Amino acid sequence: AAIDQEPPALLILDIWLKDSQMDGIDILKAVKRDNPDVPVVIISGHGN
């Protein structure tokens, strides 16, 4: 909803989101599809 209202200059995105219909990878795909100029930095506490 925030991205649809106004795309940000940068998105800092946690890859694991509790109580959400989409995880970070799903959101990343949607953002790169509809707003490809927005850079996305992924953060995670379970990184591998």
All heavy atoms as atom14 arrays in JSON, in Angstrom:
{
  "sequence": "AAIDQEPPALLILDIWLKDSQMDGIDILKAVKRDNPDVPVVIISGHGN",
  "atom14_mask": [
    [1, 1, 1, 1, 1, 0, 0, 0, 0, 0, 0, 0, 0, 0],
    [1, 1, 1, 1, 1, 0, 0, 0, 0, 0, 0, 0, 0, 0],
    [1, 1, 1, 1, 1, 1, 1, 1, 0, 0, 0, 0, 0, 0],
    [1, 1, 1, 1, 1, 1, 1, 1, 0, 0, 0, 0, 0, 0],
    [1, 1, 1, 1, 1, 1, 1, 1, 1, 0, 0, 0, 0, 0],
    [1, 1, 1, 1, 1, 1, 1, 1, 1, 0, 0, 0, 0, 0],
    [1, 1, 1, 1, 1, 1, 1, 0, 0, 0, 0, 0, 0, 0],
    [1, 1, 1, 1, 1, 1, 1, 0, 0, 0, 0, 0, 0, 0],
    [1, 1, 1, 1, 1, 0, 0, 0, 0, 0, 0, 0, 0, 0],
    [1, 1, 1, 1, 1, 1, 1, 1, 0, 0, 0, 0, 0, 0],
    [1, 1, 1, 1, 1, 1, 1, 1, 0, 0, 0, 0, 0, 0],
    [1, 1, 1, 1, 1, 1, 1, 1, 0, 0, 0, 0, 0, 0],
    [1, 1, 1, 1, 1, 1, 1, 1, 0, 0, 0, 0, 0, 0],
    [1, 1, 1, 1, 1, 1, 1, 1, 0, 0, 0, 0, 0, 0],
    [1, 1, 1, 1, 1, 1, 1, 1, 0, 0, 0, 0, 0, 0],
    [1, 1, 1, 1, 1, 1, 1, 1, 1, 1, 1, 1, 1, 1],
    [1, 1, 1, 1, 1, 1, 1, 1, 0, 0, 0, 0, 0, 0],
    [1, 1, 1, 1, 1, 1, 1, 1, 1, 0, 0, 0, 0, 0],
    [1, 1, 1, 1, 1, 1, 1, 1, 0, 0, 0, 0, 0, 0],
    [1, 1, 1, 1, 1, 1, 0, 0, 0, 0, 0, 0, 0, 0],
    [1, 1, 1, 1, 1, 1, 1, 1, 1, 0, 0, 0, 0, 0],
    [1, 1, 1, 1, 1, 1, 1, 1, 0, 0, 0, 0, 0, 0],
    [1, 1, 1, 1, 1, 1, 1, 1, 0, 0, 0, 0, 0, 0],
    [1, 1, 1, 1, 0, 0, 0, 0, 0, 0, 0, 0, 0, 0],
    [1, 1, 1, 1, 1, 1, 1, 1, 0, 0, 0, 0, 0, 0],
    [1, 1, 1, 1, 1, 1, 1, 1, 0, 0, 0, 0, 0, 0],
    [1, 1, 1, 1, 1, 1, 1, 1, 0, 0, 0, 0, 0, 0],
    [1, 1, 1, 1, 1, 1, 1, 1, 0, 0, 0, 0, 0, 0],
    [1, 1, 1, 1, 1, 1, 1, 1, 1, 0, 0, 0, 0, 0],
    [1, 1, 1, 1, 1, 0, 0, 0, 0, 0, 0, 0, 0, 0],
    [1, 1, 1, 1, 1, 1, 1, 0, 0, 0, 0, 0, 0, 0],
    [1, 1, 1, 1, 1, 1, 1, 1, 1, 0, 0, 0, 0, 0],
    [1, 1, 1, 1, 1, 1, 1, 1, 1, 1, 1, 0, 0, 0],
    [1, 1, 1, 1, 1, 1, 1, 1, 0, 0, 0, 0, 0, 0],
    [1, 1, 1, 1, 1, 1, 1, 1, 0, 0, 0, 0, 0, 0],
    [1, 1, 1, 1, 1, 1, 1, 0, 0, 0, 0, 0, 0, 0],
    [1, 1, 1, 1, 1, 1, 1, 1, 0, 0, 0, 0, 0, 0],
    [1, 1, 1, 1, 1, 1, 1, 0, 0, 0, 0, 0, 0, 0],
    [1, 1, 1, 1, 1, 1, 1, 0, 0, 0, 0, 0, 0, 0],
    [1, 1, 1, 1, 1, 1, 1, 0, 0, 0, 0, 0, 0, 0],
    [1, 1, 1, 1, 1, 1, 1, 0, 0, 0, 0, 0, 0, 0],
    [1, 1, 1, 1, 1, 1, 1, 1, 0, 0, 0, 0, 0, 0],
    [1, 1, 1, 1, 1, 1, 1, 1, 0, 0, 0, 0, 0, 0],
    [1, 1, 1, 1, 1, 1, 0, 0, 0, 0, 0, 0, 0, 0],
    [1, 1, 1, 1, 0, 0, 0, 0, 0, 0, 0, 0, 0, 0],
    [1, 1, 1, 1, 1, 1, 1, 1, 1, 1, 0, 0, 0, 0],
    [1, 1, 1, 1, 0, 0, 0, 0, 0, 0, 0, 0, 0, 0],
    [1, 1, 1, 1, 1, 1, 1, 1, 0, 0, 0, 0, 0, 0]
  ],
  "atom14_positions": [
    [[0.83, -1.2, 0.0], [0.0, 0.0, 0.0], [0.87, 1.26, 0.0], [0.57, 2.24, -0.69], [-0.93, -0.01, 1.21], [0.0, 0.0, 0.0], [0.0, 0.0, 0.0], [0.0, 0.0, 0.0], [0.0, 0.0, 0.0], [0.0, 0.0, 0.0], [0.0, 0.0, 0.0], [0.0, 0.0, 0.0], [0.0, 0.0, 0.0], [0.0, 0.0, 0.0]],
    [[1.96, 1.23, 0.77], [2.86, 2.39, 0.82], [3.55, 2.62, -0.51], [3.72, 3.76, -0.95], [3.9, 2.18, 1.94], [0.0, 0.0, 0.0], [0.0, 0.0, 0.0], [0.0, 0.0, 0.0], [0.0, 0.0, 0.0], [0.0, 0.0, 0.0], [0.0, 0.0, 0.0], [0.0, 0.0, 0.0], [0.0, 0.0, 0.0], [0.0, 0.0, 0.0]],
    [[3.93, 1.54, -1.18], [4.59, 1.66, -2.49], [3.61, 2.17, -3.54], [3.96, 3.02, -4.37], [5.2, 0.32, -2.91], [6.34, -0.06, -1.97], [5.71, 0.38, -4.35], [6.89, -1.46, -2.18], [0.0, 0.0, 0.0], [0.0, 0.0, 0.0], [0.0, 0.0, 0.0], [0.0, 0.0, 0.0], [0.0, 0.0, 0.0], [0.0, 0.0, 0.0]],
    [[2.36, 1.68, -3.48], [1.36, 2.14, -4.43], [1.04, 3.62, -4.23], [0.78, 4.35, -5.19], [0.07, 1.32, -4.31], [0.22, -0.08, -4.88], [1.16, -0.29, -5.68], [-0.58, -0.96, -4.51], [0.0, 0.0, 0.0], [0.0, 0.0, 0.0], [0.0, 0.0, 0.0], [0.0, 0.0, 0.0], [0.0, 0.0, 0.0], [0.0, 0.0, 0.0]],
    [[1.06, 4.05, -2.96], [0.79, 5.46, -2.67], [1.89, 6.36, -3.24], [1.62, 7.35, -3.9], [0.69, 5.67, -1.17], [0.42, 7.12, -0.77], [0.38, 7.31, 0.73], [0.54, 6.35, 1.49], [0.15, 8.53, 1.17], [0.0, 0.0, 0.0], [0.0, 0.0, 0.0], [0.0, 0.0, 0.0], [0.0, 0.0, 0.0], [0.0, 0.0, 0.0]],
    [[3.14, 5.97, -3.02], [4.29, 6.71, -3.59], [5.52, 5.82, -3.53], [5.96, 5.44, -2.44], [4.56, 8.01, -2.82], [5.7, 8.81, -3.42], [5.99, 10.08, -2.65], [5.3, 10.35, -1.66], [6.92, 10.79, -3.05], [0.0, 0.0, 0.0], [0.0, 0.0, 0.0], [0.0, 0.0, 0.0], [0.0, 0.0, 0.0], [0.0, 0.0, 0.0]],
    [[6.1, 5.46, -4.67], [7.31, 4.62, -4.65], [8.44, 5.32, -3.9], [8.67, 6.51, -4.07], [7.65, 4.46, -6.14], [6.37, 4.72, -6.86], [5.65, 5.76, -6.03], [0.0, 0.0, 0.0], [0.0, 0.0, 0.0], [0.0, 0.0, 0.0], [0.0, 0.0, 0.0], [0.0, 0.0, 0.0], [0.0, 0.0, 0.0], [0.0, 0.0, 0.0]],
    [[9.15, 4.58, -3.04], [10.25, 5.19, -2.28], [11.51, 5.3, -3.12], [11.62, 4.71, -4.21], [10.45, 4.2, -1.13], [10.09, 2.88, -1.74], [8.96, 3.16, -2.69], [0.0, 0.0, 0.0], [0.0, 0.0, 0.0], [0.0, 0.0, 0.0], [0.0, 0.0, 0.0], [0.0, 0.0, 0.0], [0.0, 0.0, 0.0], [0.0, 0.0, 0.0]],
    [[12.48, 6.05, -2.61], [13.78, 6.13, -3.28], [14.59, 4.87, -3.01], [15.45, 4.5, -3.81], [14.56, 7.35, -2.78], [0.0, 0.0, 0.0], [0.0, 0.0, 0.0], [0.0, 0.0, 0.0], [0.0, 0.0, 0.0], [0.0, 0.0, 0.0], [0.0, 0.0, 0.0], [0.0, 0.0, 0.0], [0.0, 0.0, 0.0], [0.0, 0.0, 0.0]],
    [[14.31, 4.18, -1.89], [15.01, 2.96, -1.51], [14.1, 2.14, -0.63], [13.36, 2.68, 0.2], [16.31, 3.29, -0.77], [17.08, 2.13, -0.13], [17.61, 1.18, -1.2], [18.23, 2.65, 0.73], [0.0, 0.0, 0.0], [0.0, 0.0, 0.0], [0.0, 0.0, 0.0], [0.0, 0.0, 0.0], [0.0, 0.0, 0.0], [0.0, 0.0, 0.0]],
    [[14.15, 0.82, -0.79], [13.35, -0.09, 0.05], [14.31, -0.98, 0.84], [15.13, -1.69, 0.26], [12.44, -0.95, -0.83], [11.61, -2.04, -0.13], [10.65, -1.41, 0.88], [10.83, -2.86, -1.15], [0.0, 0.0, 0.0], [0.0, 0.0, 0.0], [0.0, 0.0, 0.0], [0.0, 0.0, 0.0], [0.0, 0.0, 0.0], [0.0, 0.0, 0.0]],
    [[14.23, -0.91, 2.19], [14.98, -1.81, 3.07], [13.98, -2.85, 3.55], [13.01, -2.53, 4.25], [15.62, -1.06, 4.23], [16.65, -0.05, 3.7], [16.29, -2.04, 5.2], [17.32, 0.77, 4.79], [0.0, 0.0, 0.0], [0.0, 0.0, 0.0], [0.0, 0.0, 0.0], [0.0, 0.0, 0.0], [0.0, 0.0, 0.0], [0.0, 0.0, 0.0]],
    [[14.21, -4.12, 3.2], [13.17, -5.14, 3.31], [13.65, -6.37, 4.06], [14.63, -7.0, 3.68], [12.73, -5.53, 1.88], [11.7, -6.65, 1.71], [10.38, -6.26, 2.34], [11.53, -6.96, 0.23], [0.0, 0.0, 0.0], [0.0, 0.0, 0.0], [0.0, 0.0, 0.0], [0.0, 0.0, 0.0], [0.0, 0.0, 0.0], [0.0, 0.0, 0.0]],
    [[12.94, -6.71, 5.15], [13.21, -7.94, 5.88], [12.68, -9.12, 5.05], [11.57, -9.06, 4.52], [12.52, -7.9, 7.24], [12.89, -9.09, 8.11], [13.78, -9.87, 7.7], [12.28, -9.24, 9.18], [0.0, 0.0, 0.0], [0.0, 0.0, 0.0], [0.0, 0.0, 0.0], [0.0, 0.0, 0.0], [0.0, 0.0, 0.0], [0.0, 0.0, 0.0]],
    [[13.45, -10.18, 4.97], [13.04, -11.29, 4.11], [11.98, -12.16, 4.76], [11.19, -12.82, 4.08], [14.27, -12.12, 3.68], [13.96, -12.85, 2.38], [14.68, -13.06, 4.78], [15.2, -13.38, 1.68], [0.0, 0.0, 0.0], [0.0, 0.0, 0.0], [0.0, 0.0, 0.0], [0.0, 0.0, 0.0], [0.0, 0.0, 0.0], [0.0, 0.0, 0.0]],
    [[11.93, -12.18, 6.12], [10.93, -12.99, 6.81], [9.96, -12.04, 7.5], [10.34, -11.27, 8.39], [11.58, -13.9, 7.86], [12.61, -14.82, 7.28], [13.94, -14.8, 7.52], [12.38, -15.9, 6.37], [14.58, -15.79, 6.81], [13.64, -16.48, 6.09], [11.25, -16.43, 5.75], [13.8, -17.55, 5.22], [11.39, -17.5, 4.9], [12.66, -18.05, 4.64]],
    [[8.69, -12.1, 7.13], [7.67, -11.21, 7.69], [6.55, -12.04, 8.3], [5.83, -12.75, 7.58], [7.1, -10.29, 6.6], [8.09, -9.32, 5.94], [7.43, -8.63, 4.74], [8.59, -8.29, 6.95], [0.0, 0.0, 0.0], [0.0, 0.0, 0.0], [0.0, 0.0, 0.0], [0.0, 0.0, 0.0], [0.0, 0.0, 0.0], [0.0, 0.0, 0.0]],
    [[6.38, -11.95, 9.65], [5.33, -12.7, 10.33], [3.97, -12.1, 10.0], [3.84, -10.9, 9.78], [5.55, -12.67, 11.84], [6.81, -13.38, 12.3], [6.96, -13.26, 13.82], [8.25, -13.94, 14.29], [8.44, -13.77, 15.76], [0.0, 0.0, 0.0], [0.0, 0.0, 0.0], [0.0, 0.0, 0.0], [0.0, 0.0, 0.0], [0.0, 0.0, 0.0]],
    [[2.96, -12.95, 9.99], [1.57, -12.52, 9.78], [1.41, -11.72, 8.48], [0.67, -10.73, 8.43], [1.1, -11.67, 10.97], [1.21, -12.4, 12.29], [0.92, -13.63, 12.3], [1.59, -11.77, 13.29], [0.0, 0.0, 0.0], [0.0, 0.0, 0.0], [0.0, 0.0, 0.0], [0.0, 0.0, 0.0], [0.0, 0.0, 0.0], [0.0, 0.0, 0.0]],
    [[2.09, -12.15, 7.44], [2.01, -11.47, 6.14], [1.69, -12.48, 5.04], [2.09, -13.65, 5.11], [3.33, -10.76, 5.81], [3.54, -9.66, 6.66], [0.0, 0.0, 0.0], [0.0, 0.0, 0.0], [0.0, 0.0, 0.0], [0.0, 0.0, 0.0], [0.0, 0.0, 0.0], [0.0, 0.0, 0.0], [0.0, 0.0, 0.0], [0.0, 0.0, 0.0]],
    [[0.98, -12.03, 4.03], [0.65, -12.9, 2.91], [1.84, -13.11, 1.98], [1.89, -14.1, 1.25], [-0.52, -12.29, 2.11], [-1.8, -12.19, 2.92], [-2.95, -11.62, 2.1], [-2.84, -11.48, 0.88], [-4.05, -11.3, 2.76], [0.0, 0.0, 0.0], [0.0, 0.0, 0.0], [0.0, 0.0, 0.0], [0.0, 0.0, 0.0], [0.0, 0.0, 0.0]],
    [[2.78, -12.18, 2.0], [3.94, -12.26, 1.11], [5.2, -12.2, 1.95], [5.26, -11.47, 2.95], [3.94, -11.08, 0.11], [2.68, -10.98, -0.73], [2.57, -9.38, -1.61], [3.95, -9.53, -2.76], [0.0, 0.0, 0.0], [0.0, 0.0, 0.0], [0.0, 0.0, 0.0], [0.0, 0.0, 0.0], [0.0, 0.0, 0.0], [0.0, 0.0, 0.0]],
    [[6.24, -12.96, 1.55], [7.54, -12.81, 2.21], [8.37, -11.8, 1.44], [7.92, -11.19, 0.45], [8.25, -14.16, 2.35], [8.59, -14.79, 0.99], [8.59, -14.08, -0.04], [8.86, -16.01, 0.96], [0.0, 0.0, 0.0], [0.0, 0.0, 0.0], [0.0, 0.0, 0.0], [0.0, 0.0, 0.0], [0.0, 0.0, 0.0], [0.0, 0.0, 0.0]],
    [[9.6, -11.59, 1.88], [10.45, -10.58, 1.27], [10.74, -10.82, -0.2], [10.76, -9.89, -1.01], [0.0, 0.0, 0.0], [0.0, 0.0, 0.0], [0.0, 0.0, 0.0], [0.0, 0.0, 0.0], [0.0, 0.0, 0.0], [0.0, 0.0, 0.0], [0.0, 0.0, 0.0], [0.0, 0.0, 0.0], [0.0, 0.0, 0.0], [0.0, 0.0, 0.0]],
    [[10.93, -12.09, -0.58], [11.21, -12.41, -1.98], [10.0, -12.1, -2.86], [10.14, -11.57, -3.97], [11.62, -13.89, -2.13], [12.97, -14.15, -1.45], [11.7, -14.27, -3.61], [14.14, -13.43, -2.09], [0.0, 0.0, 0.0], [0.0, 0.0, 0.0], [0.0, 0.0, 0.0], [0.0, 0.0, 0.0], [0.0, 0.0, 0.0], [0.0, 0.0, 0.0]],
    [[8.79, -12.39, -2.35], [7.58, -12.08, -3.11], [7.44, -10.57, -3.31], [7.08, -10.1, -4.4], [6.34, -12.61, -2.38], [6.29, -14.13, -2.34], [6.85, -14.75, -3.26], [5.72, -14.68, -1.38], [0.0, 0.0, 0.0], [0.0, 0.0, 0.0], [0.0, 0.0, 0.0], [0.0, 0.0, 0.0], [0.0, 0.0, 0.0], [0.0, 0.0, 0.0]],
    [[7.7, -9.81, -2.23], [7.62, -8.35, -2.34], [8.69, -7.84, -3.31], [8.42, -6.96, -4.14], [7.79, -7.7, -0.96], [6.61, -8.07, -0.05], [7.91, -6.18, -1.09], [6.77, -7.6, 1.39], [0.0, 0.0, 0.0], [0.0, 0.0, 0.0], [0.0, 0.0, 0.0], [0.0, 0.0, 0.0], [0.0, 0.0, 0.0], [0.0, 0.0, 0.0]],
    [[9.89, -8.41, -3.21], [10.98, -8.01, -4.12], [10.57, -8.21, -5.58], [10.77, -7.33, -6.42], [12.23, -8.82, -3.79], [13.41, -8.68, -4.76], [13.93, -7.25, -4.79], [14.53, -9.66, -4.37], [0.0, 0.0, 0.0], [0.0, 0.0, 0.0], [0.0, 0.0, 0.0], [0.0, 0.0, 0.0], [0.0, 0.0, 0.0], [0.0, 0.0, 0.0]],
    [[9.98, -9.36, -5.89], [9.54, -9.64, -7.27], [8.52, -8.61, -7.73], [8.58, -8.1, -8.86], [8.93, -11.04, -7.36], [9.93, -12.18, -7.23], [9.19, -13.52, -7.32], [10.14, -14.7, -7.19], [9.42, -16.01, -7.27], [0.0, 0.0, 0.0], [0.0, 0.0, 0.0], [0.0, 0.0, 0.0], [0.0, 0.0, 0.0], [0.0, 0.0, 0.0]],
    [[7.56, -8.29, -6.85], [6.5, -7.34, -7.22], [7.08, -5.95, -7.45], [6.69, -5.24, -8.38], [5.44, -7.3, -6.13], [0.0, 0.0, 0.0], [0.0, 0.0, 0.0], [0.0, 0.0, 0.0], [0.0, 0.0, 0.0], [0.0, 0.0, 0.0], [0.0, 0.0, 0.0], [0.0, 0.0, 0.0], [0.0, 0.0, 0.0], [0.0, 0.0, 0.0]],
    [[8.02, -5.56, -6.58], [8.62, -4.22, -6.73], [9.44, -4.13, -8.01], [9.34, -3.14, -8.76], [9.5, -3.89, -5.5], [10.32, -2.62, -5.75], [8.64, -3.73, -4.26], [0.0, 0.0, 0.0], [0.0, 0.0, 0.0], [0.0, 0.0, 0.0], [0.0, 0.0, 0.0], [0.0, 0.0, 0.0], [0.0, 0.0, 0.0], [0.0, 0.0, 0.0]],
    [[10.25, -5.13, -8.3], [11.08, -5.09, -9.51], [10.23, -5.2, -10.77], [10.64, -4.79, -11.86], [12.13, -6.2, -9.49], [13.07, -6.17, -8.31], [13.6, -4.77, -8.0], [14.59, -4.23, -9.0], [15.14, -2.92, -8.59], [0.0, 0.0, 0.0], [0.0, 0.0, 0.0], [0.0, 0.0, 0.0], [0.0, 0.0, 0.0], [0.0, 0.0, 0.0]],
    [[9.01, -5.75, -10.63], [8.1, -5.83, -11.77], [7.45, -4.48, -12.03], [7.42, -4.01, -13.18], [7.01, -6.87, -11.47], [5.95, -7.0, -12.56], [4.81, -7.88, -12.08], [4.08, -7.22, -10.99], [3.43, -7.87, -10.02], [3.42, -9.19, -9.99], [2.79, -7.2, -9.08], [0.0, 0.0, 0.0], [0.0, 0.0, 0.0], [0.0, 0.0, 0.0]],
    [[6.95, -3.84, -10.99], [6.16, -2.62, -11.18], [6.97, -1.33, -10.99], [6.58, -0.28, -11.52], [4.97, -2.6, -10.21], [4.02, -3.76, -10.44], [3.92, -4.2, -11.61], [3.38, -4.21, -9.48], [0.0, 0.0, 0.0], [0.0, 0.0, 0.0], [0.0, 0.0, 0.0], [0.0, 0.0, 0.0], [0.0, 0.0, 0.0], [0.0, 0.0, 0.0]],
    [[8.05, -1.4, -10.23], [8.88, -0.21, -9.98], [10.36, -0.59, -10.08], [11.09, -0.59, -9.08], [8.58, 0.38, -8.59], [7.15, 0.86, -8.45], [6.81, 1.96, -8.84], [6.31, 0.0, -7.87], [0.0, 0.0, 0.0], [0.0, 0.0, 0.0], [0.0, 0.0, 0.0], [0.0, 0.0, 0.0], [0.0, 0.0, 0.0], [0.0, 0.0, 0.0]],
    [[10.8, -0.95, -11.27], [12.17, -1.5, -11.41], [13.28, -0.53, -11.03], [14.4, -0.97, -10.76], [12.24, -1.86, -12.9], [11.2, -1.02, -13.55], [10.1, -0.89, -12.55], [0.0, 0.0, 0.0], [0.0, 0.0, 0.0], [0.0, 0.0, 0.0], [0.0, 0.0, 0.0], [0.0, 0.0, 0.0], [0.0, 0.0, 0.0], [0.0, 0.0, 0.0]],
    [[12.99, 0.78, -10.96], [14.04, 1.74, -10.62], [14.27, 1.86, -9.11], [15.21, 2.53, -8.68], [13.68, 3.13, -11.17], [13.81, 3.19, -12.68], [14.56, 2.37, -13.24], [13.15, 4.05, -13.3], [0.0, 0.0, 0.0], [0.0, 0.0, 0.0], [0.0, 0.0, 0.0], [0.0, 0.0, 0.0], [0.0, 0.0, 0.0], [0.0, 0.0, 0.0]],
    [[13.42, 1.23, -8.3], [13.57, 1.32, -6.84], [14.57, 0.25, -6.38], [14.31, -0.94, -6.52], [12.21, 1.1, -6.14], [12.42, 1.08, -4.62], [11.23, 2.2, -6.52], [0.0, 0.0, 0.0], [0.0, 0.0, 0.0], [0.0, 0.0, 0.0], [0.0, 0.0, 0.0], [0.0, 0.0, 0.0], [0.0, 0.0, 0.0], [0.0, 0.0, 0.0]],
    [[15.72, 0.66, -5.84], [16.67, -0.34, -5.33], [16.15, -0.97, -4.04], [15.52, -0.3, -3.22], [17.95, 0.47, -5.08], [17.49, 1.88, -4.89], [16.23, 2.04, -5.7], [0.0, 0.0, 0.0], [0.0, 0.0, 0.0], [0.0, 0.0, 0.0], [0.0, 0.0, 0.0], [0.0, 0.0, 0.0], [0.0, 0.0, 0.0], [0.0, 0.0, 0.0]],
    [[16.42, -2.26, -3.86], [15.93, -3.0, -2.69], [17.12, -3.62, -1.97], [17.9, -4.37, -2.56], [14.93, -4.1, -3.11], [14.43, -4.85, -1.87], [13.76, -3.51, -3.89], [0.0, 0.0, 0.0], [0.0, 0.0, 0.0], [0.0, 0.0, 0.0], [0.0, 0.0, 0.0], [0.0, 0.0, 0.0], [0.0, 0.0, 0.0], [0.0, 0.0, 0.0]],
    [[17.24, -3.31, -0.68], [18.26, -3.91, 0.19], [17.57, -4.9, 1.1], [16.67, -4.54, 1.87], [19.01, -2.85, 1.01], [19.97, -3.52, 1.99], [19.77, -1.89, 0.1], [0.0, 0.0, 0.0], [0.0, 0.0, 0.0], [0.0, 0.0, 0.0], [0.0, 0.0, 0.0], [0.0, 0.0, 0.0], [0.0, 0.0, 0.0], [0.0, 0.0, 0.0]],
    [[17.95, -6.17, 1.01], [17.35, -7.23, 1.81], [18.13, -7.38, 3.12], [19.36, -7.4, 3.13], [17.38, -8.57, 1.04], [16.49, -8.5, -0.21], [16.93, -9.72, 1.94], [15.02, -8.43, 0.07], [0.0, 0.0, 0.0], [0.0, 0.0, 0.0], [0.0, 0.0, 0.0], [0.0, 0.0, 0.0], [0.0, 0.0, 0.0], [0.0, 0.0, 0.0]],
    [[17.37, -7.48, 4.24], [18.0, -7.76, 5.54], [17.34, -9.01, 6.13], [16.16, -9.26, 5.9], [17.88, -6.58, 6.53], [16.41, -6.2, 6.74], [18.67, -5.38, 6.03], [16.21, -5.1, 7.8], [0.0, 0.0, 0.0], [0.0, 0.0, 0.0], [0.0, 0.0, 0.0], [0.0, 0.0, 0.0], [0.0, 0.0, 0.0], [0.0, 0.0, 0.0]],
    [[18.12, -9.8, 6.87], [17.57, -11.03, 7.45], [18.4, -11.48, 8.63], [19.63, -11.37, 8.63], [17.53, -12.14, 6.39], [17.09, -13.35, 6.99], [0.0, 0.0, 0.0], [0.0, 0.0, 0.0], [0.0, 0.0, 0.0], [0.0, 0.0, 0.0], [0.0, 0.0, 0.0], [0.0, 0.0, 0.0], [0.0, 0.0, 0.0], [0.0, 0.0, 0.0]],
    [[17.7, -12.0, 9.64], [18.39, -12.57, 10.79], [18.69, -14.04, 10.61], [19.27, -14.66, 11.48], [0.0, 0.0, 0.0], [0.0, 0.0, 0.0], [0.0, 0.0, 0.0], [0.0, 0.0, 0.0], [0.0, 0.0, 0.0], [0.0, 0.0, 0.0], [0.0, 0.0, 0.0], [0.0, 0.0, 0.0], [0.0, 0.0, 0.0], [0.0, 0.0, 0.0]],
    [[18.27, -14.59, 9.48], [18.51, -16.01, 9.2], [19.24, -16.13, 7.87], [18.9, -16.95, 7.03], [17.18, -16.79, 9.15], [16.3, -16.53, 10.33], [16.45, -17.18, 11.54], [15.26, -15.67, 10.5], [15.55, -16.74, 12.39], [14.8, -15.83, 11.79], [0.0, 0.0, 0.0], [0.0, 0.0, 0.0], [0.0, 0.0, 0.0], [0.0, 0.0, 0.0]],
    [[20.23, -15.29, 7.69], [20.9, -15.21, 6.4], [21.73, -16.44, 6.08], [22.34, -17.04, 6.95], [0.0, 0.0, 0.0], [0.0, 0.0, 0.0], [0.0, 0.0, 0.0], [0.0, 0.0, 0.0], [0.0, 0.0, 0.0], [0.0, 0.0, 0.0], [0.0, 0.0, 0.0], [0.0, 0.0, 0.0], [0.0, 0.0, 0.0], [0.0, 0.0, 0.0]],
    [[21.69, -16.82, 4.83], [22.61, -17.83, 4.32], [22.86, -17.51, 2.87], [22.21, -16.68, 2.25], [22.04, -19.25, 4.53], [20.69, -19.42, 3.84], [20.55, -19.16, 2.66], [19.7, -19.87, 4.62], [0.0, 0.0, 0.0], [0.0, 0.0, 0.0], [0.0, 0.0, 0.0], [0.0, 0.0, 0.0], [0.0, 0.0, 0.0], [0.0, 0.0, 0.0]]
  ]
}
